[in-house]
Amino acid sequence: ARVNKCLIALVNRKIVTKDNSTGAVLYHWQG
């Protein structure tokens, strides 16, 4: 739950991108 909360905040600020094109949800660091 805490990891998901942190990832949501990072994705909303576009610091991390969320990719599910391969069927699995992957998070990529953008800075």
PDB file of all heavy atoms in Angstrom:
ATOM      1  N   ALA A   1       0.826  -1.211   0.000  1.00  0.00           N
ATOM      2  CA  ALA A   1       0.000   0.000   0.000  1.00  0.00           C
ATOM      3  C   ALA A   1       0.863   1.265   0.000  1.00  0.00           C
ATOM      4  O   ALA A   1       0.588   2.228  -0.731  1.00  0.00           O
ATOM      5  CB  ALA A   1      -0.932  -0.005   1.210  1.00  0.00           C
ATOM      6  N   ARG A   2       1.928   1.273   0.799  1.00  0.00           N
ATOM      7  CA  ARG A   2       2.798   2.451   0.842  1.00  0.00           C
ATOM      8  C   ARG A   2       3.565   2.630  -0.469  1.00  0.00           C
ATOM      9  O   ARG A   2       3.759   3.744  -0.944  1.00  0.00           O
ATOM     10  CB  ARG A   2       3.770   2.335   2.014  1.00  0.00           C
ATOM     11  CG  ARG A   2       3.099   2.530   3.368  1.00  0.00           C
ATOM     12  CD  ARG A   2       4.104   2.448   4.494  1.00  0.00           C
ATOM     13  NE  ARG A   2       3.494   2.757   5.779  1.00  0.00           N
ATOM     14  CZ  ARG A   2       3.400   3.965   6.293  1.00  0.00           C
ATOM     15  NH1 ARG A   2       3.888   4.996   5.633  1.00  0.00           N
ATOM     16  NH2 ARG A   2       2.826   4.177   7.482  1.00  0.00           N
ATOM     17  N   VAL A   3       4.020   1.519  -1.060  1.00  0.00           N
ATOM     18  CA  VAL A   3       4.714   1.601  -2.348  1.00  0.00           C
ATOM     19  C   VAL A   3       3.784   2.160  -3.412  1.00  0.00           C
ATOM     20  O   VAL A   3       4.159   3.022  -4.222  1.00  0.00           O
ATOM     21  CB  VAL A   3       5.263   0.222  -2.749  1.00  0.00           C
ATOM     22  CG1 VAL A   3       5.809   0.263  -4.166  1.00  0.00           C
ATOM     23  CG2 VAL A   3       6.358  -0.218  -1.795  1.00  0.00           C
ATOM     24  N   ASN A   4       2.548   1.671  -3.424  1.00  0.00           N
ATOM     25  CA  ASN A   4       1.580   2.164  -4.409  1.00  0.00           C
ATOM     26  C   ASN A   4       1.304   3.648  -4.215  1.00  0.00           C
ATOM     27  O   ASN A   4       1.190   4.413  -5.188  1.00  0.00           O
ATOM     28  CB  ASN A   4       0.284   1.363  -4.279  1.00  0.00           C
ATOM     29  CG  ASN A   4      -0.636   1.565  -5.462  1.00  0.00           C
ATOM     30  OD1 ASN A   4      -0.203   1.937  -6.543  1.00  0.00           O
ATOM     31  ND2 ASN A   4      -1.910   1.337  -5.265  1.00  0.00           N
ATOM     32  N   LYS A   5       1.216   4.087  -2.976  1.00  0.00           N
ATOM     33  CA  LYS A   5       0.985   5.507  -2.691  1.00  0.00           C
ATOM     34  C   LYS A   5       2.147   6.363  -3.184  1.00  0.00           C
ATOM     35  O   LYS A   5       1.947   7.432  -3.787  1.00  0.00           O
ATOM     36  CB  LYS A   5       0.777   5.693  -1.190  1.00  0.00           C
ATOM     37  CG  LYS A   5       0.471   7.120  -0.769  1.00  0.00           C
ATOM     38  CD  LYS A   5       0.213   7.187   0.725  1.00  0.00           C
ATOM     39  CE  LYS A   5      -0.132   8.615   1.150  1.00  0.00           C
ATOM     40  NZ  LYS A   5      -0.396   8.697   2.605  1.00  0.00           N
ATOM     41  N   CYS A   6       3.371   5.903  -2.939  1.00  0.00           N
ATOM     42  CA  CYS A   6       4.545   6.646  -3.402  1.00  0.00           C
ATOM     43  C   CYS A   6       4.612   6.699  -4.919  1.00  0.00           C
ATOM     44  O   CYS A   6       4.916   7.744  -5.513  1.00  0.00           O
ATOM     45  CB  CYS A   6       5.812   6.023  -2.830  1.00  0.00           C
ATOM     46  SG  CYS A   6       5.940   6.082  -1.021  1.00  0.00           S
ATOM     47  N   LEU A   7       4.297   5.573  -5.579  1.00  0.00           N
ATOM     48  CA  LEU A   7       4.360   5.540  -7.043  1.00  0.00           C
ATOM     49  C   LEU A   7       3.297   6.439  -7.667  1.00  0.00           C
ATOM     50  O   LEU A   7       3.540   7.084  -8.691  1.00  0.00           O
ATOM     51  CB  LEU A   7       4.198   4.103  -7.535  1.00  0.00           C
ATOM     52  CG  LEU A   7       5.371   3.167  -7.250  1.00  0.00           C
ATOM     53  CD1 LEU A   7       5.034   1.744  -7.675  1.00  0.00           C
ATOM     54  CD2 LEU A   7       6.632   3.627  -7.960  1.00  0.00           C
ATOM     55  N   ILE A   8       2.123   6.493  -7.056  1.00  0.00           N
ATOM     56  CA  ILE A   8       1.068   7.371  -7.587  1.00  0.00           C
ATOM     57  C   ILE A   8       1.514   8.824  -7.533  1.00  0.00           C
ATOM     58  O   ILE A   8       1.314   9.599  -8.485  1.00  0.00           O
ATOM     59  CB  ILE A   8      -0.233   7.150  -6.803  1.00  0.00           C
ATOM     60  CG1 ILE A   8      -0.830   5.778  -7.130  1.00  0.00           C
ATOM     61  CG2 ILE A   8      -1.250   8.241  -7.114  1.00  0.00           C
ATOM     62  CD1 ILE A   8      -2.035   5.432  -6.303  1.00  0.00           C
ATOM     63  N   ALA A   9       2.127   9.216  -6.421  1.00  0.00           N
ATOM     64  CA  ALA A   9       2.610  10.601  -6.309  1.00  0.00           C
ATOM     65  C   ALA A   9       3.696  10.894  -7.344  1.00  0.00           C
ATOM     66  O   ALA A   9       3.724  11.969  -7.952  1.00  0.00           O
ATOM     67  CB  ALA A   9       3.129  10.850  -4.897  1.00  0.00           C
ATOM     68  N   LEU A  10       4.614   9.942  -7.570  1.00  0.00           N
ATOM     69  CA  LEU A  10       5.689  10.160  -8.541  1.00  0.00           C
ATOM     70  C   LEU A  10       5.149  10.201  -9.972  1.00  0.00           C
ATOM     71  O   LEU A  10       5.618  10.998 -10.797  1.00  0.00           O
ATOM     72  CB  LEU A  10       6.734   9.049  -8.398  1.00  0.00           C
ATOM     73  CG  LEU A  10       7.537   9.043  -7.086  1.00  0.00           C
ATOM     74  CD1 LEU A  10       8.379   7.793  -6.984  1.00  0.00           C
ATOM     75  CD2 LEU A  10       8.414  10.279  -6.987  1.00  0.00           C
ATOM     76  N   VAL A  11       4.164   9.361 -10.282  1.00  0.00           N
ATOM     77  CA  VAL A  11       3.586   9.350 -11.629  1.00  0.00           C
ATOM     78  C   VAL A  11       2.807  10.632 -11.888  1.00  0.00           C
ATOM     79  O   VAL A  11       2.844  11.191 -12.990  1.00  0.00           O
ATOM     80  CB  VAL A  11       2.690   8.104 -11.803  1.00  0.00           C
ATOM     81  CG1 VAL A  11       1.921   8.180 -13.122  1.00  0.00           C
ATOM     82  CG2 VAL A  11       3.537   6.839 -11.785  1.00  0.00           C
ATOM     83  N   ASN A  12       2.085  11.133 -10.864  1.00  0.00           N
ATOM     84  CA  ASN A  12       1.327  12.375 -11.043  1.00  0.00           C
ATOM     85  C   ASN A  12       2.249  13.559 -11.321  1.00  0.00           C
ATOM     86  O   ASN A  12       1.871  14.492 -12.041  1.00  0.00           O
ATOM     87  CB  ASN A  12       0.480  12.651  -9.803  1.00  0.00           C
ATOM     88  CG  ASN A  12      -0.671  11.674  -9.671  1.00  0.00           C
ATOM     89  OD1 ASN A  12      -1.114  11.079 -10.657  1.00  0.00           O
ATOM     90  ND2 ASN A  12      -1.167  11.493  -8.461  1.00  0.00           N
ATOM     91  N   ARG A  13       3.458  13.566 -10.740  1.00  0.00           N
ATOM     92  CA  ARG A  13       4.410  14.649 -10.989  1.00  0.00           C
ATOM     93  C   ARG A  13       5.270  14.382 -12.228  1.00  0.00           C
ATOM     94  O   ARG A  13       6.192  15.116 -12.523  1.00  0.00           O
ATOM     95  CB  ARG A  13       5.323  14.821  -9.767  1.00  0.00           C
ATOM     96  CG  ARG A  13       4.625  15.396  -8.551  1.00  0.00           C
ATOM     97  CD  ARG A  13       4.150  16.814  -8.807  1.00  0.00           C
ATOM     98  NE  ARG A  13       3.625  17.451  -7.612  1.00  0.00           N
ATOM     99  CZ  ARG A  13       2.369  17.385  -7.212  1.00  0.00           C
ATOM    100  NH1 ARG A  13       1.493  16.698  -7.946  1.00  0.00           N
ATOM    101  NH2 ARG A  13       1.970  17.985  -6.106  1.00  0.00           N
ATOM    102  N   LYS A  14       4.975  13.283 -12.949  1.00  0.00           N
ATOM    103  CA  LYS A  14       5.693  12.909 -14.179  1.00  0.00           C
ATOM    104  C   LYS A  14       7.180  12.665 -13.915  1.00  0.00           C
ATOM    105  O   LYS A  14       8.005  12.811 -14.817  1.00  0.00           O
ATOM    106  CB  LYS A  14       5.504  13.980 -15.251  1.00  0.00           C
ATOM    107  CG  LYS A  14       4.062  14.149 -15.688  1.00  0.00           C
ATOM    108  CD  LYS A  14       3.939  15.179 -16.789  1.00  0.00           C
ATOM    109  CE  LYS A  14       2.490  15.336 -17.217  1.00  0.00           C
ATOM    110  NZ  LYS A  14       2.318  16.338 -18.293  1.00  0.00           N
ATOM    111  N   ILE A  15       7.504  12.308 -12.687  1.00  0.00           N
ATOM    112  CA  ILE A  15       8.884  11.920 -12.370  1.00  0.00           C
ATOM    113  C   ILE A  15       9.120  10.473 -12.768  1.00  0.00           C
ATOM    114  O   ILE A  15      10.227  10.073 -13.122  1.00  0.00           O
ATOM    115  CB  ILE A  15       9.156  12.140 -10.873  1.00  0.00           C
ATOM    116  CG1 ILE A  15       8.947  13.613 -10.512  1.00  0.00           C
ATOM    117  CG2 ILE A  15      10.552  11.710 -10.490  1.00  0.00           C
ATOM    118  CD1 ILE A  15       9.027  13.903  -9.031  1.00  0.00           C
ATOM    119  N   VAL A  16       8.069   9.675 -12.731  1.00  0.00           N
ATOM    120  CA  VAL A  16       8.103   8.263 -13.111  1.00  0.00           C
ATOM    121  C   VAL A  16       6.978   8.041 -14.115  1.00  0.00           C
ATOM    122  O   VAL A  16       5.888   8.603 -13.985  1.00  0.00           O
ATOM    123  CB  VAL A  16       7.915   7.358 -11.872  1.00  0.00           C
ATOM    124  CG1 VAL A  16       7.826   5.897 -12.285  1.00  0.00           C
ATOM    125  CG2 VAL A  16       9.067   7.547 -10.899  1.00  0.00           C
ATOM    126  N   THR A  17       7.248   7.241 -15.144  1.00  0.00           N
ATOM    127  CA  THR A  17       6.233   6.897 -16.134  1.00  0.00           C
ATOM    128  C   THR A  17       5.779   5.468 -15.921  1.00  0.00           C
ATOM    129  O   THR A  17       6.562   4.605 -15.536  1.00  0.00           O
ATOM    130  CB  THR A  17       6.781   7.060 -17.556  1.00  0.00           C
ATOM    131  OG1 THR A  17       7.958   6.231 -17.713  1.00  0.00           O
ATOM    132  CG2 THR A  17       7.140   8.500 -17.836  1.00  0.00           C
ATOM    133  N   LYS A  18       4.516   5.241 -16.182  1.00  0.00           N
ATOM    134  CA  LYS A  18       3.884   3.928 -16.003  1.00  0.00           C
ATOM    135  C   LYS A  18       3.638   3.313 -17.369  1.00  0.00           C
ATOM    136  O   LYS A  18       3.038   3.925 -18.235  1.00  0.00           O
ATOM    137  CB  LYS A  18       2.580   4.091 -15.221  1.00  0.00           C
ATOM    138  CG  LYS A  18       1.890   2.788 -14.867  1.00  0.00           C
ATOM    139  CD  LYS A  18       0.645   3.095 -14.054  1.00  0.00           C
ATOM    140  CE  LYS A  18      -0.087   1.824 -13.667  1.00  0.00           C
ATOM    141  NZ  LYS A  18      -1.333   2.133 -12.899  1.00  0.00           N
ATOM    142  N   ASP A  19       4.104   2.085 -17.564  1.00  0.00           N
ATOM    143  CA  ASP A  19       3.995   1.412 -18.864  1.00  0.00           C
ATOM    144  C   ASP A  19       3.384   0.034 -18.657  1.00  0.00           C
ATOM    145  O   ASP A  19       3.858  -0.752 -17.833  1.00  0.00           O
ATOM    146  CB  ASP A  19       5.382   1.287 -19.503  1.00  0.00           C
ATOM    147  CG  ASP A  19       5.308   0.618 -20.870  1.00  0.00           C
ATOM    148  OD1 ASP A  19       4.222   0.648 -21.481  1.00  0.00           O
ATOM    149  OD2 ASP A  19       6.322   0.052 -21.308  1.00  0.00           O
ATOM    150  N   ASN A  20       2.317  -0.237 -19.389  1.00  0.00           N
ATOM    151  CA  ASN A  20       1.685  -1.561 -19.340  1.00  0.00           C
ATOM    152  C   ASN A  20       1.478  -2.139 -20.733  1.00  0.00           C
ATOM    153  O   ASN A  20       0.555  -2.909 -20.960  1.00  0.00           O
ATOM    154  CB  ASN A  20       0.341  -1.483 -18.603  1.00  0.00           C
ATOM    155  CG  ASN A  20      -0.625  -0.519 -19.266  1.00  0.00           C
ATOM    156  OD1 ASN A  20      -0.234   0.222 -20.169  1.00  0.00           O
ATOM    157  ND2 ASN A  20      -1.865  -0.520 -18.840  1.00  0.00           N
ATOM    158  N   SER A  21       2.317  -1.724 -21.673  1.00  0.00           N
ATOM    159  CA  SER A  21       2.177  -2.209 -23.050  1.00  0.00           C
ATOM    160  C   SER A  21       2.547  -3.670 -23.192  1.00  0.00           C
ATOM    161  O   SER A  21       2.085  -4.346 -24.116  1.00  0.00           O
ATOM    162  CB  SER A  21       3.043  -1.355 -23.978  1.00  0.00           C
ATOM    163  OG  SER A  21       4.409  -1.416 -23.585  1.00  0.00           O
ATOM    164  N   THR A  22       3.369  -4.192 -22.306  1.00  0.00           N
ATOM    165  CA  THR A  22       3.782  -5.597 -22.396  1.00  0.00           C
ATOM    166  C   THR A  22       2.885  -6.534 -21.608  1.00  0.00           C
ATOM    167  O   THR A  22       3.156  -7.724 -21.535  1.00  0.00           O
ATOM    168  CB  THR A  22       5.224  -5.737 -21.879  1.00  0.00           C
ATOM    169  OG1 THR A  22       5.284  -5.288 -20.515  1.00  0.00           O
ATOM    170  CG2 THR A  22       6.173  -4.913 -22.725  1.00  0.00           C
ATOM    171  N   GLY A  23       1.831  -6.028 -21.011  1.00  0.00           N
ATOM    172  CA  GLY A  23       0.957  -6.861 -20.200  1.00  0.00           C
ATOM    173  C   GLY A  23       1.255  -6.760 -18.726  1.00  0.00           C
ATOM    174  O   GLY A  23       0.396  -7.047 -17.894  1.00  0.00           O
ATOM    175  N   ALA A  24       2.480  -6.405 -18.361  1.00  0.00           N
ATOM    176  CA  ALA A  24       2.871  -6.212 -16.959  1.00  0.00           C
ATOM    177  C   ALA A  24       3.133  -4.732 -16.727  1.00  0.00           C
ATOM    178  O   ALA A  24       3.685  -4.031 -17.576  1.00  0.00           O
ATOM    179  CB  ALA A  24       4.122  -7.018 -16.629  1.00  0.00           C
ATOM    180  N   VAL A  25       2.722  -4.235 -15.571  1.00  0.00           N
ATOM    181  CA  VAL A  25       2.876  -2.823 -15.240  1.00  0.00           C
ATOM    182  C   VAL A  25       4.321  -2.569 -14.799  1.00  0.00           C
ATOM    183  O   VAL A  25       4.797  -3.173 -13.828  1.00  0.00           O
ATOM    184  CB  VAL A  25       1.899  -2.400 -14.127  1.00  0.00           C
ATOM    185  CG1 VAL A  25       2.076  -0.926 -13.810  1.00  0.00           C
ATOM    186  CG2 VAL A  25       0.473  -2.683 -14.549  1.00  0.00           C
ATOM    187  N   LEU A  26       5.015  -1.695 -15.529  1.00  0.00           N
ATOM    188  CA  LEU A  26       6.406  -1.358 -15.238  1.00  0.00           C
ATOM    189  C   LEU A  26       6.508   0.145 -15.010  1.00  0.00           C
ATOM    190  O   LEU A  26       5.809   0.943 -15.641  1.00  0.00           O
ATOM    191  CB  LEU A  26       7.318  -1.771 -16.398  1.00  0.00           C
ATOM    192  CG  LEU A  26       7.341  -3.270 -16.747  1.00  0.00           C
ATOM    193  CD1 LEU A  26       8.223  -3.510 -17.965  1.00  0.00           C
ATOM    194  CD2 LEU A  26       7.828  -4.099 -15.575  1.00  0.00           C
ATOM    195  N   TYR A  27       7.418   0.524 -14.114  1.00  0.00           N
ATOM    196  CA  TYR A  27       7.641   1.929 -13.787  1.00  0.00           C
ATOM    197  C   TYR A  27       9.064   2.306 -14.209  1.00  0.00           C
ATOM    198  O   TYR A  27      10.024   1.629 -13.830  1.00  0.00           O
ATOM    199  CB  TYR A  27       7.443   2.170 -12.287  1.00  0.00           C
ATOM    200  CG  TYR A  27       6.041   1.930 -11.825  1.00  0.00           C
ATOM    201  CD1 TYR A  27       5.623   0.678 -11.391  1.00  0.00           C
ATOM    202  CD2 TYR A  27       5.088   2.951 -11.856  1.00  0.00           C
ATOM    203  CE1 TYR A  27       4.325   0.451 -10.968  1.00  0.00           C
ATOM    204  CE2 TYR A  27       3.784   2.735 -11.430  1.00  0.00           C
ATOM    205  CZ  TYR A  27       3.412   1.475 -11.000  1.00  0.00           C
ATOM    206  OH  TYR A  27       2.127   1.253 -10.586  1.00  0.00           O
ATOM    207  N   HIS A  28       9.176   3.383 -14.992  1.00  0.00           N
ATOM    208  CA  HIS A  28      10.455   3.839 -15.516  1.00  0.00           C
ATOM    209  C   HIS A  28      10.796   5.190 -14.899  1.00  0.00           C
ATOM    210  O   HIS A  28       9.961   6.098 -14.831  1.00  0.00           O
ATOM    211  CB  HIS A  28      10.395   3.982 -17.043  1.00  0.00           C
ATOM    212  CG  HIS A  28      10.125   2.689 -17.753  1.00  0.00           C
ATOM    213  ND1 HIS A  28      11.104   1.815 -18.128  1.00  0.00           N
ATOM    214  CD2 HIS A  28       8.956   2.108 -18.137  1.00  0.00           C
ATOM    215  CE1 HIS A  28      10.587   0.766 -18.720  1.00  0.00           C
ATOM    216  NE2 HIS A  28       9.264   0.925 -18.745  1.00  0.00           N
ATOM    217  N   TRP A  29      12.040   5.320 -14.468  1.00  0.00           N
ATOM    218  CA  TRP A  29      12.510   6.564 -13.846  1.00  0.00           C
ATOM    219  C   TRP A  29      12.798   7.593 -14.915  1.00  0.00           C
ATOM    220  O   TRP A  29      13.512   7.334 -15.890  1.00  0.00           O
ATOM    221  CB  TRP A  29      13.749   6.287 -13.007  1.00  0.00           C
ATOM    222  CG  TRP A  29      14.371   7.532 -12.440  1.00  0.00           C
ATOM    223  CD1 TRP A  29      15.459   8.202 -12.893  1.00  0.00           C
ATOM    224  CD2 TRP A  29      13.913   8.243 -11.302  1.00  0.00           C
ATOM    225  NE1 TRP A  29      15.702   9.281 -12.114  1.00  0.00           N
ATOM    226  CE2 TRP A  29      14.766   9.354 -11.122  1.00  0.00           C
ATOM    227  CE3 TRP A  29      12.855   8.075 -10.413  1.00  0.00           C
ATOM    228  CZ2 TRP A  29      14.613  10.259 -10.103  1.00  0.00           C
ATOM    229  CZ3 TRP A  29      12.698   8.986  -9.386  1.00  0.00           C
ATOM    230  CH2 TRP A  29      13.574  10.058  -9.234  1.00  0.00           C
ATOM    231  N   GLN A  30      12.242   8.821 -14.776  1.00  0.00           N
ATOM    232  CA  GLN A  30      12.460   9.898 -15.723  1.00  0.00           C
ATOM    233  C   GLN A  30      13.200  11.073 -15.100  1.00  0.00           C
ATOM    234  O   GLN A  30      13.873  11.813 -15.796  1.00  0.00           O
ATOM    235  CB  GLN A  30      11.106  10.397 -16.265  1.00  0.00           C
ATOM    236  CG  GLN A  30      10.304   9.332 -16.974  1.00  0.00           C
ATOM    237  CD  GLN A  30      10.968   8.841 -18.239  1.00  0.00           C
ATOM    238  OE1 GLN A  30      11.680   9.599 -18.896  1.00  0.00           O
ATOM    239  NE2 GLN A  30      10.741   7.595 -18.594  1.00  0.00           N
ATOM    240  N   GLY A  31      13.087  11.246 -13.792  1.00  0.00           N
ATOM    241  CA  GLY A  31      13.723  12.369 -13.143  1.00  0.00           C
ATOM    242  C   GLY A  31      12.776  13.563 -13.036  1.00  0.00           C
ATOM    243  O   GLY A  31      11.680  13.578 -13.612  1.00  0.00           O
TER     244      GLY A  31
END
